[in-house]
Amino acid sequence: MARKAFFLFSILFGLLTLVSCSQANEDHLPAKKEKLTQEELTRFNKAYFASGCFWCVEAVFESVQGVKEAVSGYSGGEIESPTYELVSSGRTKHAESVVVYYDSSQVTYPTLLEVFFGSHDPTTLNRQGPDVGPQYRSIVFYQNEQEKRLAEDYIKKLDASGQFSSKIVTEVTPFRRFYKAEAYHQDYERNHPNDPYIRNVSIPRIEKFKAKFPQLLKKNE
């Protein structure tokens, strides 16, 4: 619900800058990609993460070389078939999440962990930027013991490095089920480049990631 408040706060600025920002936002977007079918996606590995607004997370991962698709959805909760309205209430225990389809010959799971921790603040509990609530918490959903070990070891490494001023609060929890979000959430950043939230939160977040990890980006990024 904090996101909706942010929308209202920034809408006035959005109306004033709509025309001037349009071209800049189009330049920000990657070349339009052809959607893979579900059958084609089954040929790739999957990884599951949550790190705030799934509009942002999806766009970050889709900029990475070897990632074939990122899909927004809900995971980590207790009810079946959650909706955006239910998850947004913060009472279902679901988090806004993404499933990342990746070619393991081009990008490894440890690299995806690097992308995950390098593209958000893993030290803020139940919050990411202006979005507040358990639905925005930071989570690595592991599918096997190797993924669990890699995630836990990476967190220990980051905590020991002093890269963050506070201790990492990211959950490392077993993956159980992923529910795909409503169709209008998919590729939201691309489809709504002039949305005030996209301009003021999503785009700065992905641009910061790209500046930090240029070697991980797709060539057309």
C-alpha atoms as a PDB file:
ATOM      1  CA  MET A   1       0.000   0.000   0.000  1.00  0.00           C
ATOM      2  CA  ALA A   2       2.988   2.270   0.517  1.00  0.00           C
ATOM      3  CA  ARG A   3       3.562   2.076  -3.239  1.00  0.00           C
ATOM      4  CA  LYS A   4       0.114   3.560  -3.899  1.00  0.00           C
ATOM      5  CA  ALA A   5       0.874   6.436  -1.556  1.00  0.00           C
ATOM      6  CA  PHE A   6       4.091   7.005  -3.420  1.00  0.00           C
ATOM      7  CA  PHE A   7       2.151   7.109  -6.696  1.00  0.00           C
ATOM      8  CA  LEU A   8      -0.125   9.867  -5.382  1.00  0.00           C
ATOM      9  CA  PHE A   9       2.827  11.822  -4.070  1.00  0.00           C
ATOM     10  CA  SER A  10       4.690  11.720  -7.358  1.00  0.00           C
ATOM     11  CA  ILE A  11       1.865  11.961  -9.887  1.00  0.00           C
ATOM     12  CA  LEU A  12       2.049  15.763 -10.025  1.00  0.00           C
ATOM     13  CA  PHE A  13       5.707  15.585 -10.956  1.00  0.00           C
ATOM     14  CA  GLY A  14       4.928  12.882 -13.499  1.00  0.00           C
ATOM     15  CA  LEU A  15       2.367  14.990 -15.335  1.00  0.00           C
ATOM     16  CA  LEU A  16       4.796  17.886 -15.634  1.00  0.00           C
ATOM     17  CA  THR A  17       7.602  15.766 -17.052  1.00  0.00           C
ATOM     18  CA  LEU A  18       5.648  13.221 -19.103  1.00  0.00           C
ATOM     19  CA  VAL A  19       6.676  14.453 -22.536  1.00  0.00           C
ATOM     20  CA  SER A  20      10.304  15.243 -21.759  1.00  0.00           C
ATOM     21  CA  CYS A  21      10.899  11.931 -19.985  1.00  0.00           C
ATOM     22  CA  SER A  22       9.302   9.717 -22.604  1.00  0.00           C
ATOM     23  CA  GLN A  23      12.276   9.563 -24.955  1.00  0.00           C
ATOM     24  CA  ALA A  24      14.764   9.139 -22.113  1.00  0.00           C
ATOM     25  CA  ASN A  25      12.821   6.203 -20.742  1.00  0.00           C
ATOM     26  CA  GLU A  26      12.611   4.560 -24.170  1.00  0.00           C
ATOM     27  CA  ASP A  27      16.399   4.824 -24.388  1.00  0.00           C
ATOM     28  CA  HIS A  28      16.650   3.089 -21.024  1.00  0.00           C
ATOM     29  CA  LEU A  29      14.741   0.036 -22.195  1.00  0.00           C
ATOM     30  CA  PRO A  30      16.507  -2.946 -23.792  1.00  0.00           C
ATOM     31  CA  ALA A  31      15.713  -4.014 -27.323  1.00  0.00           C
ATOM     32  CA  LYS A  32      12.271  -5.585 -27.505  1.00  0.00           C
ATOM     33  CA  LYS A  33      12.603  -9.319 -27.000  1.00  0.00           C
ATOM     34  CA  GLU A  34      10.557 -12.167 -28.332  1.00  0.00           C
ATOM     35  CA  LYS A  35       8.690 -13.976 -25.599  1.00  0.00           C
ATOM     36  CA  LEU A  36       9.614 -17.620 -25.098  1.00  0.00           C
ATOM     37  CA  THR A  37       6.862 -20.185 -24.803  1.00  0.00           C
ATOM     38  CA  GLN A  38       6.411 -22.170 -21.611  1.00  0.00           C
ATOM     39  CA  GLU A  39       7.690 -25.233 -23.452  1.00  0.00           C
ATOM     40  CA  GLU A  40      10.846 -23.376 -24.483  1.00  0.00           C
ATOM     41  CA  LEU A  41      11.383 -22.148 -20.933  1.00  0.00           C
ATOM     42  CA  THR A  42      11.405 -25.717 -19.586  1.00  0.00           C
ATOM     43  CA  ARG A  43      14.826 -26.173 -21.179  1.00  0.00           C
ATOM     44  CA  PHE A  44      16.363 -23.723 -18.735  1.00  0.00           C
ATOM     45  CA  ASN A  45      17.216 -23.730 -15.029  1.00  0.00           C
ATOM     46  CA  LYS A  46      15.076 -21.778 -12.585  1.00  0.00           C
ATOM     47  CA  ALA A  47      15.942 -19.673  -9.537  1.00  0.00           C
ATOM     48  CA  TYR A  48      13.593 -17.860  -7.153  1.00  0.00           C
ATOM     49  CA  PHE A  49      14.194 -14.534  -5.392  1.00  0.00           C
ATOM     50  CA  ALA A  50      12.356 -11.707  -3.627  1.00  0.00           C
ATOM     51  CA  SER A  51      13.852  -8.259  -3.101  1.00  0.00           C
ATOM     52  CA  GLY A  52      11.142  -5.637  -3.063  1.00  0.00           C
ATOM     53  CA  CYS A  53       8.859  -4.563  -5.897  1.00  0.00           C
ATOM     54  CA  PHE A  54       8.806  -7.348  -8.465  1.00  0.00           C
ATOM     55  CA  TRP A  55       8.580  -4.817 -11.281  1.00  0.00           C
ATOM     56  CA  CYS A  56      12.131  -3.753 -10.418  1.00  0.00           C
ATOM     57  CA  VAL A  57      13.477  -7.234  -9.707  1.00  0.00           C
ATOM     58  CA  GLU A  58      12.162  -8.658 -12.958  1.00  0.00           C
ATOM     59  CA  ALA A  59      13.783  -5.875 -14.989  1.00  0.00           C
ATOM     60  CA  VAL A  60      17.124  -6.236 -13.218  1.00  0.00           C
ATOM     61  CA  PHE A  61      17.418  -9.958 -13.876  1.00  0.00           C
ATOM     62  CA  GLU A  62      16.248  -9.648 -17.480  1.00  0.00           C
ATOM     63  CA  SER A  63      19.179  -7.315 -18.164  1.00  0.00           C
ATOM     64  CA  VAL A  64      21.666 -10.071 -17.267  1.00  0.00           C
ATOM     65  CA  GLN A  65      23.442 -12.158 -19.879  1.00  0.00           C
ATOM     66  CA  GLY A  66      22.172 -15.737 -19.815  1.00  0.00           C
ATOM     67  CA  VAL A  67      18.814 -14.893 -18.247  1.00  0.00           C
ATOM     68  CA  LYS A  68      16.110 -15.891 -20.708  1.00  0.00           C
ATOM     69  CA  GLU A  69      13.080 -14.684 -18.785  1.00  0.00           C
ATOM     70  CA  ALA A  70      12.033 -13.367 -15.385  1.00  0.00           C
ATOM     71  CA  VAL A  71       8.428 -13.707 -14.299  1.00  0.00           C
ATOM     72  CA  SER A  72       6.769 -11.774 -11.491  1.00  0.00           C
ATOM     73  CA  GLY A  73       4.722 -13.600  -8.879  1.00  0.00           C
ATOM     74  CA  TYR A  74       4.199 -14.481  -5.245  1.00  0.00           C
ATOM     75  CA  SER A  75       5.997 -16.976  -3.017  1.00  0.00           C
ATOM     76  CA  GLY A  76       6.671 -17.698   0.641  1.00  0.00           C
ATOM     77  CA  GLY A  77       3.104 -17.439   1.875  1.00  0.00           C
ATOM     78  CA  GLU A  78       0.427 -19.642   3.364  1.00  0.00           C
ATOM     79  CA  ILE A  79      -2.652 -19.370   1.141  1.00  0.00           C
ATOM     80  CA  GLU A  80      -3.294 -20.825  -2.297  1.00  0.00           C
ATOM     81  CA  SER A  81      -3.817 -18.676  -5.385  1.00  0.00           C
ATOM     82  CA  PRO A  82      -2.931 -15.311  -3.828  1.00  0.00           C
ATOM     83  CA  THR A  83      -3.893 -12.107  -5.619  1.00  0.00           C
ATOM     84  CA  TYR A  84      -2.086  -8.781  -5.722  1.00  0.00           C
ATOM     85  CA  GLU A  85      -4.702  -7.225  -3.462  1.00  0.00           C
ATOM     86  CA  LEU A  86      -4.287  -9.968  -0.840  1.00  0.00           C
ATOM     87  CA  VAL A  87      -0.487  -9.932  -0.963  1.00  0.00           C
ATOM     88  CA  SER A  88      -0.437  -6.134  -0.768  1.00  0.00           C
ATOM     89  CA  SER A  89      -2.306  -6.306   2.508  1.00  0.00           C
ATOM     90  CA  GLY A  90       0.769  -7.942   4.066  1.00  0.00           C
ATOM     91  CA  ARG A  91      -1.347 -10.613   5.739  1.00  0.00           C
ATOM     92  CA  THR A  92      -0.724 -13.635   3.482  1.00  0.00           C
ATOM     93  CA  LYS A  93       3.031 -13.898   4.247  1.00  0.00           C
ATOM     94  CA  HIS A  94       3.738 -13.999   0.525  1.00  0.00           C
ATOM     95  CA  ALA A  95       6.484 -11.817  -0.886  1.00  0.00           C
ATOM     96  CA  GLU A  96       6.552 -10.220  -4.295  1.00  0.00           C
ATOM     97  CA  SER A  97       8.939 -12.616  -6.021  1.00  0.00           C
ATOM     98  CA  VAL A  98      10.397 -13.577  -9.381  1.00  0.00           C
ATOM     99  CA  VAL A  99      11.271 -16.845 -11.034  1.00  0.00           C
ATOM    100  CA  VAL A 100      14.404 -16.461 -13.145  1.00  0.00           C
ATOM    101  CA  TYR A 101      14.863 -18.760 -16.141  1.00  0.00           C
ATOM    102  CA  TYR A 102      18.551 -18.958 -16.978  1.00  0.00           C
ATOM    103  CA  ASP A 103      20.983 -20.790 -19.227  1.00  0.00           C
ATOM    104  CA  SER A 104      23.540 -22.306 -16.854  1.00  0.00           C
ATOM    105  CA  SER A 105      26.116 -22.428 -19.671  1.00  0.00           C
ATOM    106  CA  GLN A 106      26.011 -18.621 -19.785  1.00  0.00           C
ATOM    107  CA  VAL A 107      25.339 -17.592 -16.189  1.00  0.00           C
ATOM    108  CA  THR A 108      25.795 -19.535 -12.957  1.00  0.00           C
ATOM    109  CA  TYR A 109      23.716 -19.613  -9.797  1.00  0.00           C
ATOM    110  CA  PRO A 110      26.516 -17.899  -7.805  1.00  0.00           C
ATOM    111  CA  THR A 111      26.415 -15.067 -10.362  1.00  0.00           C
ATOM    112  CA  LEU A 112      22.650 -14.779  -9.901  1.00  0.00           C
ATOM    113  CA  LEU A 113      23.298 -14.420  -6.170  1.00  0.00           C
ATOM    114  CA  GLU A 114      25.738 -11.626  -6.982  1.00  0.00           C
ATOM    115  CA  VAL A 115      23.034  -9.938  -9.074  1.00  0.00           C
ATOM    116  CA  PHE A 116      20.469 -10.407  -6.313  1.00  0.00           C
ATOM    117  CA  PHE A 117      22.552  -8.965  -3.479  1.00  0.00           C
ATOM    118  CA  GLY A 118      24.058  -6.285  -5.720  1.00  0.00           C
ATOM    119  CA  SER A 119      20.720  -4.866  -6.852  1.00  0.00           C
ATOM    120  CA  HIS A 120      18.941  -4.142  -3.551  1.00  0.00           C
ATOM    121  CA  ASP A 121      19.589  -3.382   0.110  1.00  0.00           C
ATOM    122  CA  PRO A 122      19.511  -6.748   1.941  1.00  0.00           C
ATOM    123  CA  THR A 123      19.862  -5.067   5.350  1.00  0.00           C
ATOM    124  CA  THR A 124      16.404  -3.463   5.508  1.00  0.00           C
ATOM    125  CA  LEU A 125      13.805  -5.643   7.221  1.00  0.00           C
ATOM    126  CA  ASN A 126      10.424  -5.827   5.476  1.00  0.00           C
ATOM    127  CA  ARG A 127      11.281  -2.845   3.344  1.00  0.00           C
ATOM    128  CA  GLN A 128      12.872  -1.888   0.054  1.00  0.00           C
ATOM    129  CA  GLY A 129      13.073   1.792  -0.781  1.00  0.00           C
ATOM    130  CA  PRO A 130       9.621   3.390  -0.448  1.00  0.00           C
ATOM    131  CA  ASP A 131       7.876   0.007  -0.232  1.00  0.00           C
ATOM    132  CA  VAL A 132       7.179  -1.152   3.318  1.00  0.00           C
ATOM    133  CA  GLY A 133       5.713  -4.446   4.522  1.00  0.00           C
ATOM    134  CA  PRO A 134       6.562  -8.160   4.704  1.00  0.00           C
ATOM    135  CA  GLN A 135       5.545  -8.541   1.057  1.00  0.00           C
ATOM    136  CA  TYR A 136       8.714  -6.590   0.170  1.00  0.00           C
ATOM    137  CA  ARG A 137      11.168  -8.596   2.280  1.00  0.00           C
ATOM    138  CA  SER A 138      14.429 -10.000   0.935  1.00  0.00           C
ATOM    139  CA  ILE A 139      14.453 -13.771   0.322  1.00  0.00           C
ATOM    140  CA  VAL A 140      16.519 -16.408  -1.445  1.00  0.00           C
ATOM    141  CA  PHE A 141      14.289 -19.418  -2.079  1.00  0.00           C
ATOM    142  CA  TYR A 142      16.564 -22.432  -2.382  1.00  0.00           C
ATOM    143  CA  GLN A 143      15.577 -25.593  -4.260  1.00  0.00           C
ATOM    144  CA  ASN A 144      18.315 -27.892  -2.985  1.00  0.00           C
ATOM    145  CA  GLU A 145      21.097 -28.066  -0.419  1.00  0.00           C
ATOM    146  CA  GLN A 146      23.689 -26.708  -2.824  1.00  0.00           C
ATOM    147  CA  GLU A 147      21.704 -23.518  -3.419  1.00  0.00           C
ATOM    148  CA  LYS A 148      21.174 -23.172   0.333  1.00  0.00           C
ATOM    149  CA  ARG A 149      24.895 -23.537   1.032  1.00  0.00           C
ATOM    150  CA  LEU A 150      25.861 -21.092  -1.722  1.00  0.00           C
ATOM    151  CA  ALA A 151      23.389 -18.474  -0.446  1.00  0.00           C
ATOM    152  CA  GLU A 152      24.402 -18.819   3.202  1.00  0.00           C
ATOM    153  CA  ASP A 153      28.118 -18.741   2.353  1.00  0.00           C
ATOM    154  CA  TYR A 154      27.640 -15.635   0.208  1.00  0.00           C
ATOM    155  CA  ILE A 155      25.800 -13.853   3.022  1.00  0.00           C
ATOM    156  CA  LYS A 156      28.620 -14.691   5.439  1.00  0.00           C
ATOM    157  CA  LYS A 157      31.122 -13.368   2.934  1.00  0.00           C
ATOM    158  CA  LEU A 158      29.219 -10.103   2.469  1.00  0.00           C
ATOM    159  CA  ASP A 159      28.741  -9.597   6.226  1.00  0.00           C
ATOM    160  CA  ALA A 160      32.454 -10.171   6.812  1.00  0.00           C
ATOM    161  CA  SER A 161      33.434  -7.780   4.005  1.00  0.00           C
ATOM    162  CA  GLY A 162      31.844  -4.732   5.626  1.00  0.00           C
ATOM    163  CA  GLN A 163      30.202  -3.826   2.322  1.00  0.00           C
ATOM    164  CA  PHE A 164      26.987  -3.066   4.194  1.00  0.00           C
ATOM    165  CA  SER A 165      26.878  -0.967   7.343  1.00  0.00           C
ATOM    166  CA  SER A 166      24.233  -3.243   8.890  1.00  0.00           C
ATOM    167  CA  LYS A 167      23.823  -6.997   9.114  1.00  0.00           C
ATOM    168  CA  ILE A 168      22.096  -8.726   6.190  1.00  0.00           C
ATOM    169  CA  VAL A 169      18.530  -9.814   7.032  1.00  0.00           C
ATOM    170  CA  THR A 170      17.797 -11.758   3.833  1.00  0.00           C
ATOM    171  CA  GLU A 171      15.871 -14.954   4.489  1.00  0.00           C
ATOM    172  CA  VAL A 172      17.228 -18.194   3.058  1.00  0.00           C
ATOM    173  CA  THR A 173      14.204 -20.433   2.928  1.00  0.00           C
ATOM    174  CA  PRO A 174      13.164 -23.588   1.048  1.00  0.00           C
ATOM    175  CA  PHE A 175      11.175 -23.021  -2.113  1.00  0.00           C
ATOM    176  CA  ARG A 176       7.660 -24.455  -1.971  1.00  0.00           C
ATOM    177  CA  ARG A 177       5.443 -22.865  -4.565  1.00  0.00           C
ATOM    178  CA  PHE A 178       5.406 -19.919  -6.940  1.00  0.00           C
ATOM    179  CA  TYR A 179       2.215 -18.253  -8.117  1.00  0.00           C
ATOM    180  CA  LYS A 180       2.509 -16.184 -11.279  1.00  0.00           C
ATOM    181  CA  ALA A 181       1.240 -12.634 -10.791  1.00  0.00           C
ATOM    182  CA  GLU A 182      -1.554 -11.103 -12.812  1.00  0.00           C
ATOM    183  CA  ALA A 183      -0.794 -10.423 -16.492  1.00  0.00           C
ATOM    184  CA  TYR A 184      -0.604  -6.645 -16.065  1.00  0.00           C
ATOM    185  CA  HIS A 185       2.376  -7.017 -13.710  1.00  0.00           C
ATOM    186  CA  GLN A 186       4.501  -8.850 -16.277  1.00  0.00           C
ATOM    187  CA  ASP A 187       7.107  -6.654 -18.029  1.00  0.00           C
ATOM    188  CA  TYR A 188       5.560  -3.735 -16.171  1.00  0.00           C
ATOM    189  CA  GLU A 189       8.621  -1.523 -16.422  1.00  0.00           C
ATOM    190  CA  ARG A 190       8.811  -1.929 -20.187  1.00  0.00           C
ATOM    191  CA  ASN A 191       5.095  -1.496 -20.728  1.00  0.00           C
ATOM    192  CA  HIS A 192       4.694   1.533 -18.449  1.00  0.00           C
ATOM    193  CA  PRO A 193       7.887   3.619 -18.816  1.00  0.00           C
ATOM    194  CA  ASN A 194       6.122   6.817 -17.779  1.00  0.00           C
ATOM    195  CA  ASP A 195       4.569   5.448 -14.605  1.00  0.00           C
ATOM    196  CA  PRO A 196       5.796   7.743 -11.773  1.00  0.00           C
ATOM    197  CA  TYR A 197       6.952   4.768  -9.708  1.00  0.00           C
ATOM    198  CA  ILE A 198       8.916   3.379 -12.650  1.00  0.00           C
ATOM    199  CA  ARG A 199      10.592   6.727 -13.339  1.00  0.00           C
ATOM    200  CA  ASN A 200      11.384   7.534  -9.731  1.00  0.00           C
ATOM    201  CA  VAL A 201      12.193   4.118  -8.250  1.00  0.00           C
ATOM    202  CA  SER A 202      12.584   1.311 -10.787  1.00  0.00           C
ATOM    203  CA  ILE A 203      14.728   3.045 -13.386  1.00  0.00           C
ATOM    204  CA  PRO A 204      17.196   4.546 -10.883  1.00  0.00           C
ATOM    205  CA  ARG A 205      17.493   1.120  -9.256  1.00  0.00           C
ATOM    206  CA  ILE A 206      18.283  -0.740 -12.479  1.00  0.00           C
ATOM    207  CA  GLU A 207      20.618   1.989 -13.722  1.00  0.00           C
ATOM    208  CA  LYS A 208      22.548   1.784 -10.461  1.00  0.00           C
ATOM    209  CA  PHE A 209      22.834  -1.979 -10.930  1.00  0.00           C
ATOM    210  CA  LYS A 210      24.014  -1.624 -14.531  1.00  0.00           C
ATOM    211  CA  ALA A 211      26.682   0.880 -13.551  1.00  0.00           C
ATOM    212  CA  LYS A 212      27.929  -1.504 -10.864  1.00  0.00           C
ATOM    213  CA  PHE A 213      27.966  -4.675 -12.977  1.00  0.00           C
ATOM    214  CA  PRO A 214      28.503  -3.742 -16.646  1.00  0.00           C
ATOM    215  CA  GLN A 215      30.286  -7.041 -17.289  1.00  0.00           C
ATOM    216  CA  LEU A 216      27.118  -9.019 -16.507  1.00  0.00           C
ATOM    217  CA  LEU A 217      24.810  -7.233 -18.932  1.00  0.00           C
ATOM    218  CA  LYS A 218      23.417  -8.461 -22.214  1.00  0.00           C
ATOM    219  CA  LYS A 219      25.179  -6.862 -25.163  1.00  0.00           C
ATOM    220  CA  ASN A 220      22.115  -4.859 -26.199  1.00  0.00           C
ATOM    221  CA  GLU A 221      21.747  -3.383 -22.726  1.00  0.00           C
END
